[in-house]
Amino acid sequence: MPTTSDFERMLRGVALRVTRPRVAVLSAVHDHPHADTDSIIGVVRENLGEVSHQAVYDVLRALTTAGLVRRIQPPGSVARYESRVGDNHHHVVCRSCGAIADVDCVVGEAPCLAASDDHGFVIDEAEIIYWGFCPTCSTAASS
């Protein structure tokens, strides 16, 4: 688990000034993968006290632009954030409760799948979302 010093090094490594809100948001995303913005705001407020929604949105945007966090938004869902960056992993989403889990690259190297026609694009990433029911929801449905 990264420490505050690790988060400070990460921020400096991408030329972002180290601030308490940036460290708190980065920590919240690391501790709560696939959390939505409201959840992240709640965690940050537990650690820092009052912080505005806009401040957290601004920090998330800066961290995403800098490549320290990844923003995902499965269809029908609000934006979610994760700290797993730099690879081409995918996600599985529960159709019932919305739980999200990481799925490693299907086969081979990024972008995992070769497009049948790249239309001249230089493809460097593939985004796959698997849909189904998590263990809890599938058990509840069969009961």
C-alpha atoms as a PDB file:
ATOM      1  CA  MET A   1       0.000   0.000   0.000  1.00  0.00           C
ATOM      2  CA  PRO A   2       1.500   3.349  -0.985  1.00  0.00           C
ATOM      3  CA  THR A   3       2.285   5.851   1.773  1.00  0.00           C
ATOM      4  CA  THR A   4       1.878   9.631   1.852  1.00  0.00           C
ATOM      5  CA  SER A   5       5.543   9.914   0.835  1.00  0.00           C
ATOM      6  CA  ASP A   6       4.858   7.645  -2.153  1.00  0.00           C
ATOM      7  CA  PHE A   7       1.933   9.834  -3.228  1.00  0.00           C
ATOM      8  CA  GLU A   8       4.074  12.953  -2.874  1.00  0.00           C
ATOM      9  CA  ARG A   9       6.766  11.345  -5.066  1.00  0.00           C
ATOM     10  CA  MET A  10       4.131  10.363  -7.647  1.00  0.00           C
ATOM     11  CA  LEU A  11       2.863  13.936  -7.826  1.00  0.00           C
ATOM     12  CA  ARG A  12       6.346  15.401  -8.135  1.00  0.00           C
ATOM     13  CA  GLY A  13       7.195  12.783 -10.759  1.00  0.00           C
ATOM     14  CA  VAL A  14       4.523  14.217 -13.080  1.00  0.00           C
ATOM     15  CA  ALA A  15       5.374  17.841 -12.205  1.00  0.00           C
ATOM     16  CA  LEU A  16       2.279  18.419 -10.053  1.00  0.00           C
ATOM     17  CA  ARG A  17       2.596  20.507  -6.924  1.00  0.00           C
ATOM     18  CA  VAL A  18       2.077  18.488  -3.747  1.00  0.00           C
ATOM     19  CA  THR A  19      -1.058  19.673  -1.934  1.00  0.00           C
ATOM     20  CA  ARG A  20      -3.112  18.089   0.813  1.00  0.00           C
ATOM     21  CA  PRO A  21      -6.172  17.685  -1.458  1.00  0.00           C
ATOM     22  CA  ARG A  22      -4.101  16.034  -4.213  1.00  0.00           C
ATOM     23  CA  VAL A  23      -2.526  13.598  -1.765  1.00  0.00           C
ATOM     24  CA  ALA A  24      -5.925  12.873  -0.176  1.00  0.00           C
ATOM     25  CA  VAL A  25      -7.648  12.250  -3.520  1.00  0.00           C
ATOM     26  CA  LEU A  26      -4.796  10.079  -4.803  1.00  0.00           C
ATOM     27  CA  SER A  27      -4.911   8.077  -1.572  1.00  0.00           C
ATOM     28  CA  ALA A  28      -8.707   7.699  -1.794  1.00  0.00           C
ATOM     29  CA  VAL A  29      -8.505   6.393  -5.359  1.00  0.00           C
ATOM     30  CA  HIS A  30      -5.780   3.906  -4.363  1.00  0.00           C
ATOM     31  CA  ASP A  31      -7.792   2.729  -1.349  1.00  0.00           C
ATOM     32  CA  HIS A  32     -11.146   2.531  -3.173  1.00  0.00           C
ATOM     33  CA  PRO A  33     -10.696   1.275  -6.740  1.00  0.00           C
ATOM     34  CA  HIS A  34     -13.560   2.060  -9.119  1.00  0.00           C
ATOM     35  CA  ALA A  35     -15.062   4.621  -6.724  1.00  0.00           C
ATOM     36  CA  ASP A  36     -17.301   7.332  -8.079  1.00  0.00           C
ATOM     37  CA  THR A  37     -16.685  11.018  -7.434  1.00  0.00           C
ATOM     38  CA  ASP A  38     -19.175  11.284  -4.564  1.00  0.00           C
ATOM     39  CA  SER A  39     -17.528   8.355  -2.773  1.00  0.00           C
ATOM     40  CA  ILE A  40     -14.101   9.907  -3.255  1.00  0.00           C
ATOM     41  CA  ILE A  41     -15.382  13.232  -1.898  1.00  0.00           C
ATOM     42  CA  GLY A  42     -16.675  11.410   1.198  1.00  0.00           C
ATOM     43  CA  VAL A  43     -13.333   9.710   1.833  1.00  0.00           C
ATOM     44  CA  VAL A  44     -11.385  12.943   1.287  1.00  0.00           C
ATOM     45  CA  ARG A  45     -13.683  14.824   3.687  1.00  0.00           C
ATOM     46  CA  GLU A  46     -13.129  12.131   6.341  1.00  0.00           C
ATOM     47  CA  ASN A  47      -9.391  12.810   6.087  1.00  0.00           C
ATOM     48  CA  LEU A  48      -9.244  16.569   5.460  1.00  0.00           C
ATOM     49  CA  GLY A  49     -12.500  17.958   6.750  1.00  0.00           C
ATOM     50  CA  GLU A  50     -14.370  20.332   4.466  1.00  0.00           C
ATOM     51  CA  VAL A  51     -13.302  20.291   0.841  1.00  0.00           C
ATOM     52  CA  SER A  52     -15.460  21.457  -2.044  1.00  0.00           C
ATOM     53  CA  HIS A  53     -16.861  19.219  -4.745  1.00  0.00           C
ATOM     54  CA  GLN A  54     -15.150  21.423  -7.319  1.00  0.00           C
ATOM     55  CA  ALA A  55     -11.758  20.984  -5.647  1.00  0.00           C
ATOM     56  CA  VAL A  56     -12.074  17.192  -5.845  1.00  0.00           C
ATOM     57  CA  TYR A  57     -13.275  17.359  -9.467  1.00  0.00           C
ATOM     58  CA  ASP A  58     -10.296  19.593 -10.315  1.00  0.00           C
ATOM     59  CA  VAL A  59      -7.842  17.230  -8.602  1.00  0.00           C
ATOM     60  CA  LEU A  60      -9.329  14.181 -10.333  1.00  0.00           C
ATOM     61  CA  ARG A  61      -9.029  15.940 -13.690  1.00  0.00           C
ATOM     62  CA  ALA A  62      -5.391  16.884 -12.999  1.00  0.00           C
ATOM     63  CA  LEU A  63      -4.502  13.369 -11.810  1.00  0.00           C
ATOM     64  CA  THR A  64      -6.197  11.806 -14.840  1.00  0.00           C
ATOM     65  CA  THR A  65      -4.458  14.184 -17.260  1.00  0.00           C
ATOM     66  CA  ALA A  66      -1.122  13.429 -15.583  1.00  0.00           C
ATOM     67  CA  GLY A  67      -1.728   9.673 -15.906  1.00  0.00           C
ATOM     68  CA  LEU A  68      -1.782   8.942 -12.171  1.00  0.00           C
ATOM     69  CA  VAL A  69      -5.392   7.761 -12.208  1.00  0.00           C
ATOM     70  CA  ARG A  70      -7.658   6.376 -14.886  1.00  0.00           C
ATOM     71  CA  ARG A  71     -11.248   7.483 -15.447  1.00  0.00           C
ATOM     72  CA  ILE A  72     -13.655   4.808 -16.614  1.00  0.00           C
ATOM     73  CA  GLN A  73     -17.348   5.154 -17.364  1.00  0.00           C
ATOM     74  CA  PRO A  74     -19.189   1.970 -18.259  1.00  0.00           C
ATOM     75  CA  PRO A  75     -22.421   2.661 -20.178  1.00  0.00           C
ATOM     76  CA  GLY A  76     -25.200   3.598 -17.771  1.00  0.00           C
ATOM     77  CA  SER A  77     -22.774   4.402 -14.960  1.00  0.00           C
ATOM     78  CA  VAL A  78     -21.281   7.543 -13.507  1.00  0.00           C
ATOM     79  CA  ALA A  79     -17.555   8.109 -13.954  1.00  0.00           C
ATOM     80  CA  ARG A  80     -15.348   5.932 -11.778  1.00  0.00           C
ATOM     81  CA  TYR A  81     -11.651   6.277 -10.969  1.00  0.00           C
ATOM     82  CA  GLU A  82      -8.883   3.777 -10.421  1.00  0.00           C
ATOM     83  CA  SER A  83      -5.178   3.889  -9.722  1.00  0.00           C
ATOM     84  CA  ARG A  84      -4.283   0.962 -11.961  1.00  0.00           C
ATOM     85  CA  VAL A  85      -2.756   2.744 -14.940  1.00  0.00           C
ATOM     86  CA  GLY A  86      -0.147   1.926 -17.534  1.00  0.00           C
ATOM     87  CA  ASP A  87      -1.563  -1.389 -18.615  1.00  0.00           C
ATOM     88  CA  ASN A  88      -4.425  -2.342 -20.877  1.00  0.00           C
ATOM     89  CA  HIS A  89      -6.683  -4.134 -18.412  1.00  0.00           C
ATOM     90  CA  HIS A  90     -10.432  -4.365 -18.777  1.00  0.00           C
ATOM     91  CA  HIS A  91     -13.452  -4.519 -16.463  1.00  0.00           C
ATOM     92  CA  VAL A  92     -16.352  -6.750 -15.540  1.00  0.00           C
ATOM     93  CA  VAL A  93     -19.523  -4.971 -14.371  1.00  0.00           C
ATOM     94  CA  CYS A  94     -22.461  -6.438 -12.459  1.00  0.00           C
ATOM     95  CA  ARG A  95     -25.748  -5.729 -14.225  1.00  0.00           C
ATOM     96  CA  SER A  96     -27.584  -5.702 -10.898  1.00  0.00           C
ATOM     97  CA  CYS A  97     -25.531  -3.825  -8.287  1.00  0.00           C
ATOM     98  CA  GLY A  98     -22.960  -2.133 -10.524  1.00  0.00           C
ATOM     99  CA  ALA A  99     -19.917  -3.687  -8.842  1.00  0.00           C
ATOM    100  CA  ILE A 100     -16.790  -3.415 -11.006  1.00  0.00           C
ATOM    101  CA  ALA A 101     -13.684  -5.625 -11.007  1.00  0.00           C
ATOM    102  CA  ASP A 102     -10.487  -5.591 -13.052  1.00  0.00           C
ATOM    103  CA  VAL A 103      -9.886  -8.207 -15.724  1.00  0.00           C
ATOM    104  CA  ASP A 104      -6.372  -8.641 -17.075  1.00  0.00           C
ATOM    105  CA  CYS A 105      -5.725  -8.420 -20.796  1.00  0.00           C
ATOM    106  CA  VAL A 106      -7.475 -11.263 -22.600  1.00  0.00           C
ATOM    107  CA  VAL A 107      -4.598 -12.622 -24.642  1.00  0.00           C
ATOM    108  CA  GLY A 108      -1.287 -11.233 -25.779  1.00  0.00           C
ATOM    109  CA  GLU A 109       0.031  -7.725 -25.493  1.00  0.00           C
ATOM    110  CA  ALA A 110      -1.774  -4.401 -25.529  1.00  0.00           C
ATOM    111  CA  PRO A 111      -4.097  -3.640 -27.182  1.00  0.00           C
ATOM    112  CA  CYS A 112      -5.109  -7.266 -26.519  1.00  0.00           C
ATOM    113  CA  LEU A 113      -7.307  -7.661 -29.545  1.00  0.00           C
ATOM    114  CA  ALA A 114      -6.567  -6.907 -33.166  1.00  0.00           C
ATOM    115  CA  ALA A 115      -9.294  -4.954 -34.933  1.00  0.00           C
ATOM    116  CA  SER A 116     -10.691  -6.611 -38.043  1.00  0.00           C
ATOM    117  CA  ASP A 117     -10.267  -3.250 -39.810  1.00  0.00           C
ATOM    118  CA  ASP A 118      -8.250  -0.466 -38.189  1.00  0.00           C
ATOM    119  CA  HIS A 119      -9.421   2.098 -40.804  1.00  0.00           C
ATOM    120  CA  GLY A 120      -5.880   3.482 -40.864  1.00  0.00           C
ATOM    121  CA  PHE A 121      -5.775   4.186 -37.139  1.00  0.00           C
ATOM    122  CA  VAL A 122      -2.703   3.332 -35.094  1.00  0.00           C
ATOM    123  CA  ILE A 123      -4.454   1.466 -32.292  1.00  0.00           C
ATOM    124  CA  ASP A 124      -2.739   1.595 -28.903  1.00  0.00           C
ATOM    125  CA  GLU A 125      -5.532   0.569 -26.561  1.00  0.00           C
ATOM    126  CA  ALA A 126      -8.608  -1.638 -26.504  1.00  0.00           C
ATOM    127  CA  GLU A 127     -11.357  -1.185 -23.934  1.00  0.00           C
ATOM    128  CA  ILE A 128     -13.421  -4.249 -23.174  1.00  0.00           C
ATOM    129  CA  ILE A 129     -16.280  -4.340 -20.687  1.00  0.00           C
ATOM    130  CA  TYR A 130     -17.681  -7.693 -19.661  1.00  0.00           C
ATOM    131  CA  TRP A 131     -21.218  -7.659 -18.274  1.00  0.00           C
ATOM    132  CA  GLY A 132     -22.835 -10.197 -15.973  1.00  0.00           C
ATOM    133  CA  PHE A 133     -23.855 -10.754 -12.371  1.00  0.00           C
ATOM    134  CA  CYS A 134     -21.440 -10.655  -9.425  1.00  0.00           C
ATOM    135  CA  PRO A 135     -21.394 -13.653  -7.047  1.00  0.00           C
ATOM    136  CA  THR A 136     -23.661 -11.922  -4.520  1.00  0.00           C
ATOM    137  CA  CYS A 137     -26.290 -10.895  -7.080  1.00  0.00           C
ATOM    138  CA  SER A 138     -26.214 -14.215  -8.934  1.00  0.00           C
ATOM    139  CA  THR A 139     -26.693 -16.097  -5.635  1.00  0.00           C
ATOM    140  CA  ALA A 140     -29.577 -13.795  -4.620  1.00  0.00           C
ATOM    141  CA  ALA A 141     -31.259 -14.296  -8.021  1.00  0.00           C
ATOM    142  CA  SER A 142     -31.080 -18.077  -7.741  1.00  0.00           C
ATOM    143  CA  SER A 143     -32.509 -18.139  -4.179  1.00  0.00           C
END
